[in-house]
Amino acid sequence: MKNRFELSLLPDRLHTGNSAWGALGLAFLLESKKVVLCGVDGTREKYAHMDYKPESSFHHLPGLFASAVPQLAARKMQVVNGSPQSIVDCFPRVSPMSAIHWICGRIGLEELLHERIEIDDVCMERPNTV
């Protein structure tokens, strides 16, 4: 049976399921090799940028994102979830800072997955001050 959800193969169309799914679809169409999902926790807690809780449920997110795994693998796209408490578990869940280090090329995927670098002063690059 064919999967109900799918990333669009048409360059003039994005499938939606939520905004992060649309962003993943855009990264897929642009043939990105590395993708970080951030803020895809799937909870009904208040958003950081708004004063209210979302009204809708996000129970569909794990299945939605898992449905993309075969398409992403076929294109050799690497995806990590920069929301460690996320209900979306089909991608490795890491801290946001670790995800940034990985996407910027400071650490490799293997190091990211095995060491799970956390936010600390050693990892932070600080500009030289005079």
C-alpha atoms as a PDB file:
ATOM      1  CA  MET A   1       0.000   0.000   0.000  1.00  0.00           C
ATOM      2  CA  LYS A   2       1.310   3.427  -0.942  1.00  0.00           C
ATOM      3  CA  ASN A   3       2.087   5.836   1.881  1.00  0.00           C
ATOM      4  CA  ARG A   4      -0.551   8.519   2.366  1.00  0.00           C
ATOM      5  CA  PHE A   5       1.987  11.293   2.871  1.00  0.00           C
ATOM      6  CA  GLU A   6       4.749  12.217   0.474  1.00  0.00           C
ATOM      7  CA  LEU A   7       7.123  15.074  -0.238  1.00  0.00           C
ATOM      8  CA  SER A   8       6.292  16.746  -3.527  1.00  0.00           C
ATOM      9  CA  LEU A   9       8.412  15.920  -6.544  1.00  0.00           C
ATOM     10  CA  LEU A  10       7.001  18.880  -8.473  1.00  0.00           C
ATOM     11  CA  PRO A  11       9.102  22.056  -8.234  1.00  0.00           C
ATOM     12  CA  ASP A  12       6.039  24.321  -8.257  1.00  0.00           C
ATOM     13  CA  ARG A  13       4.246  22.551  -5.396  1.00  0.00           C
ATOM     14  CA  LEU A  14       4.765  21.996  -1.693  1.00  0.00           C
ATOM     15  CA  HIS A  15       2.644  19.588   0.294  1.00  0.00           C
ATOM     16  CA  THR A  16       1.600  20.776   3.704  1.00  0.00           C
ATOM     17  CA  GLY A  17       0.900  19.033   6.976  1.00  0.00           C
ATOM     18  CA  ASN A  18       2.359  21.845   9.007  1.00  0.00           C
ATOM     19  CA  SER A  19       4.935  24.581   8.414  1.00  0.00           C
ATOM     20  CA  ALA A  20       7.944  22.382   9.264  1.00  0.00           C
ATOM     21  CA  TRP A  21       6.721  19.739   6.802  1.00  0.00           C
ATOM     22  CA  GLY A  22       6.503  22.445   4.129  1.00  0.00           C
ATOM     23  CA  ALA A  23      10.056  23.581   4.986  1.00  0.00           C
ATOM     24  CA  LEU A  24      11.301  19.988   4.737  1.00  0.00           C
ATOM     25  CA  GLY A  25       9.544  19.745   1.369  1.00  0.00           C
ATOM     26  CA  LEU A  26      11.337  22.883   0.179  1.00  0.00           C
ATOM     27  CA  ALA A  27      14.706  21.492   1.331  1.00  0.00           C
ATOM     28  CA  PHE A  28      13.860  18.284  -0.559  1.00  0.00           C
ATOM     29  CA  LEU A  29      13.040  20.182  -3.756  1.00  0.00           C
ATOM     30  CA  LEU A  30      16.250  22.225  -3.419  1.00  0.00           C
ATOM     31  CA  GLU A  31      18.139  18.916  -3.027  1.00  0.00           C
ATOM     32  CA  SER A  32      19.733  19.955   0.247  1.00  0.00           C
ATOM     33  CA  LYS A  33      22.131  17.396   1.654  1.00  0.00           C
ATOM     34  CA  LYS A  34      21.876  18.397   5.337  1.00  0.00           C
ATOM     35  CA  VAL A  35      18.718  19.539   7.098  1.00  0.00           C
ATOM     36  CA  VAL A  36      18.065  20.555  10.697  1.00  0.00           C
ATOM     37  CA  LEU A  37      14.535  20.620  12.058  1.00  0.00           C
ATOM     38  CA  CYS A  38      14.166  23.037  14.973  1.00  0.00           C
ATOM     39  CA  GLY A  39      11.057  23.769  16.961  1.00  0.00           C
ATOM     40  CA  VAL A  40       9.289  20.576  15.912  1.00  0.00           C
ATOM     41  CA  ASP A  41       8.523  19.425  19.431  1.00  0.00           C
ATOM     42  CA  GLY A  42       4.871  18.587  18.844  1.00  0.00           C
ATOM     43  CA  THR A  43       3.691  19.730  22.259  1.00  0.00           C
ATOM     44  CA  ARG A  44       0.734  21.913  23.075  1.00  0.00           C
ATOM     45  CA  GLU A  45       2.820  24.229  25.243  1.00  0.00           C
ATOM     46  CA  LYS A  46       2.800  27.960  24.604  1.00  0.00           C
ATOM     47  CA  TYR A  47       4.931  29.043  21.697  1.00  0.00           C
ATOM     48  CA  ALA A  48       7.999  31.093  22.570  1.00  0.00           C
ATOM     49  CA  HIS A  49       6.823  33.898  20.292  1.00  0.00           C
ATOM     50  CA  MET A  50       3.103  33.894  21.215  1.00  0.00           C
ATOM     51  CA  ASP A  51       1.080  34.165  24.374  1.00  0.00           C
ATOM     52  CA  TYR A  52      -1.275  31.253  23.708  1.00  0.00           C
ATOM     53  CA  LYS A  53      -1.223  27.510  23.334  1.00  0.00           C
ATOM     54  CA  PRO A  54      -1.961  25.943  19.952  1.00  0.00           C
ATOM     55  CA  GLU A  55      -5.514  24.671  19.650  1.00  0.00           C
ATOM     56  CA  SER A  56      -4.840  21.748  17.352  1.00  0.00           C
ATOM     57  CA  SER A  57      -3.240  18.447  18.202  1.00  0.00           C
ATOM     58  CA  PHE A  58       0.119  17.441  16.756  1.00  0.00           C
ATOM     59  CA  HIS A  59      -0.379  13.692  17.125  1.00  0.00           C
ATOM     60  CA  HIS A  60       0.021  13.278  13.350  1.00  0.00           C
ATOM     61  CA  LEU A  61       3.598  14.652  13.248  1.00  0.00           C
ATOM     62  CA  PRO A  62       5.536  11.420  13.965  1.00  0.00           C
ATOM     63  CA  GLY A  63       3.807   9.583  11.117  1.00  0.00           C
ATOM     64  CA  LEU A  64       3.987  12.572   8.804  1.00  0.00           C
ATOM     65  CA  PHE A  65       7.750  12.995   9.132  1.00  0.00           C
ATOM     66  CA  ALA A  66       8.436   9.240   9.186  1.00  0.00           C
ATOM     67  CA  SER A  67       6.700   8.984   5.822  1.00  0.00           C
ATOM     68  CA  ALA A  68       9.450  11.159   4.290  1.00  0.00           C
ATOM     69  CA  VAL A  69      12.335   8.937   5.399  1.00  0.00           C
ATOM     70  CA  PRO A  70      12.394   6.739   2.235  1.00  0.00           C
ATOM     71  CA  GLN A  71      12.364   9.776  -0.074  1.00  0.00           C
ATOM     72  CA  LEU A  72      15.073  11.530   1.947  1.00  0.00           C
ATOM     73  CA  ALA A  73      17.210   8.378   2.020  1.00  0.00           C
ATOM     74  CA  ALA A  74      16.864   7.962  -1.741  1.00  0.00           C
ATOM     75  CA  ARG A  75      18.367  11.438  -2.171  1.00  0.00           C
ATOM     76  CA  LYS A  76      21.001  10.762   0.508  1.00  0.00           C
ATOM     77  CA  MET A  77      19.685  13.667   2.576  1.00  0.00           C
ATOM     78  CA  GLN A  78      20.744  13.734   6.223  1.00  0.00           C
ATOM     79  CA  VAL A  79      18.213  15.140   8.682  1.00  0.00           C
ATOM     80  CA  VAL A  80      18.552  15.770  12.401  1.00  0.00           C
ATOM     81  CA  ASN A  81      15.934  17.032  14.808  1.00  0.00           C
ATOM     82  CA  GLY A  82      17.260  19.912  16.886  1.00  0.00           C
ATOM     83  CA  SER A  83      14.406  19.535  19.367  1.00  0.00           C
ATOM     84  CA  PRO A  84      15.564  16.890  21.861  1.00  0.00           C
ATOM     85  CA  GLN A  85      12.112  16.500  23.489  1.00  0.00           C
ATOM     86  CA  SER A  86      10.307  16.172  20.151  1.00  0.00           C
ATOM     87  CA  ILE A  87       7.631  13.565  19.539  1.00  0.00           C
ATOM     88  CA  VAL A  88       9.103  13.231  16.023  1.00  0.00           C
ATOM     89  CA  ASP A  89      11.593  10.412  16.523  1.00  0.00           C
ATOM     90  CA  CYS A  90      12.392   9.204  12.994  1.00  0.00           C
ATOM     91  CA  PHE A  91      15.444  11.514  12.893  1.00  0.00           C
ATOM     92  CA  PRO A  92      18.195  11.709  15.510  1.00  0.00           C
ATOM     93  CA  ARG A  93      17.172  14.161  18.260  1.00  0.00           C
ATOM     94  CA  VAL A  94      19.991  16.429  19.413  1.00  0.00           C
ATOM     95  CA  SER A  95      20.352  19.763  21.176  1.00  0.00           C
ATOM     96  CA  PRO A  96      19.845  22.866  19.051  1.00  0.00           C
ATOM     97  CA  MET A  97      23.508  23.867  19.511  1.00  0.00           C
ATOM     98  CA  SER A  98      24.721  20.430  18.422  1.00  0.00           C
ATOM     99  CA  ALA A  99      22.526  20.669  15.347  1.00  0.00           C
ATOM    100  CA  ILE A 100      24.030  24.084  14.514  1.00  0.00           C
ATOM    101  CA  HIS A 101      27.563  22.737  14.887  1.00  0.00           C
ATOM    102  CA  TRP A 102      26.684  19.872  12.546  1.00  0.00           C
ATOM    103  CA  ILE A 103      24.970  21.985   9.868  1.00  0.00           C
ATOM    104  CA  CYS A 104      27.911  24.442   9.912  1.00  0.00           C
ATOM    105  CA  GLY A 105      30.391  21.615   9.411  1.00  0.00           C
ATOM    106  CA  ARG A 106      32.093  21.955  12.802  1.00  0.00           C
ATOM    107  CA  ILE A 107      31.344  18.322  13.651  1.00  0.00           C
ATOM    108  CA  GLY A 108      30.507  15.293  11.562  1.00  0.00           C
ATOM    109  CA  LEU A 109      27.305  13.284  11.716  1.00  0.00           C
ATOM    110  CA  GLU A 110      28.997  10.353  13.434  1.00  0.00           C
ATOM    111  CA  GLU A 111      30.420  12.628  16.134  1.00  0.00           C
ATOM    112  CA  LEU A 112      27.030  14.280  16.512  1.00  0.00           C
ATOM    113  CA  LEU A 113      25.243  10.973  16.957  1.00  0.00           C
ATOM    114  CA  HIS A 114      27.776   9.363  19.272  1.00  0.00           C
ATOM    115  CA  GLU A 115      28.802  12.239  21.482  1.00  0.00           C
ATOM    116  CA  ARG A 116      25.665  14.384  21.449  1.00  0.00           C
ATOM    117  CA  ILE A 117      27.630  17.563  22.074  1.00  0.00           C
ATOM    118  CA  GLU A 118      25.698  19.756  24.472  1.00  0.00           C
ATOM    119  CA  ILE A 119      25.684  23.519  24.857  1.00  0.00           C
ATOM    120  CA  ASP A 120      28.777  24.608  26.752  1.00  0.00           C
ATOM    121  CA  ASP A 121      31.531  27.187  26.539  1.00  0.00           C
ATOM    122  CA  VAL A 122      33.923  24.756  24.869  1.00  0.00           C
ATOM    123  CA  CYS A 123      31.605  24.396  21.878  1.00  0.00           C
ATOM    124  CA  MET A 124      30.758  28.066  21.575  1.00  0.00           C
ATOM    125  CA  GLU A 125      32.830  30.162  19.238  1.00  0.00           C
ATOM    126  CA  ARG A 126      33.301  33.594  20.673  1.00  0.00           C
ATOM    127  CA  PRO A 127      34.543  36.583  18.738  1.00  0.00           C
ATOM    128  CA  ASN A 128      37.905  37.952  19.790  1.00  0.00           C
ATOM    129  CA  THR A 129      37.481  40.982  21.957  1.00  0.00           C
ATOM    130  CA  VAL A 130      39.942  43.847  22.190  1.00  0.00           C
END
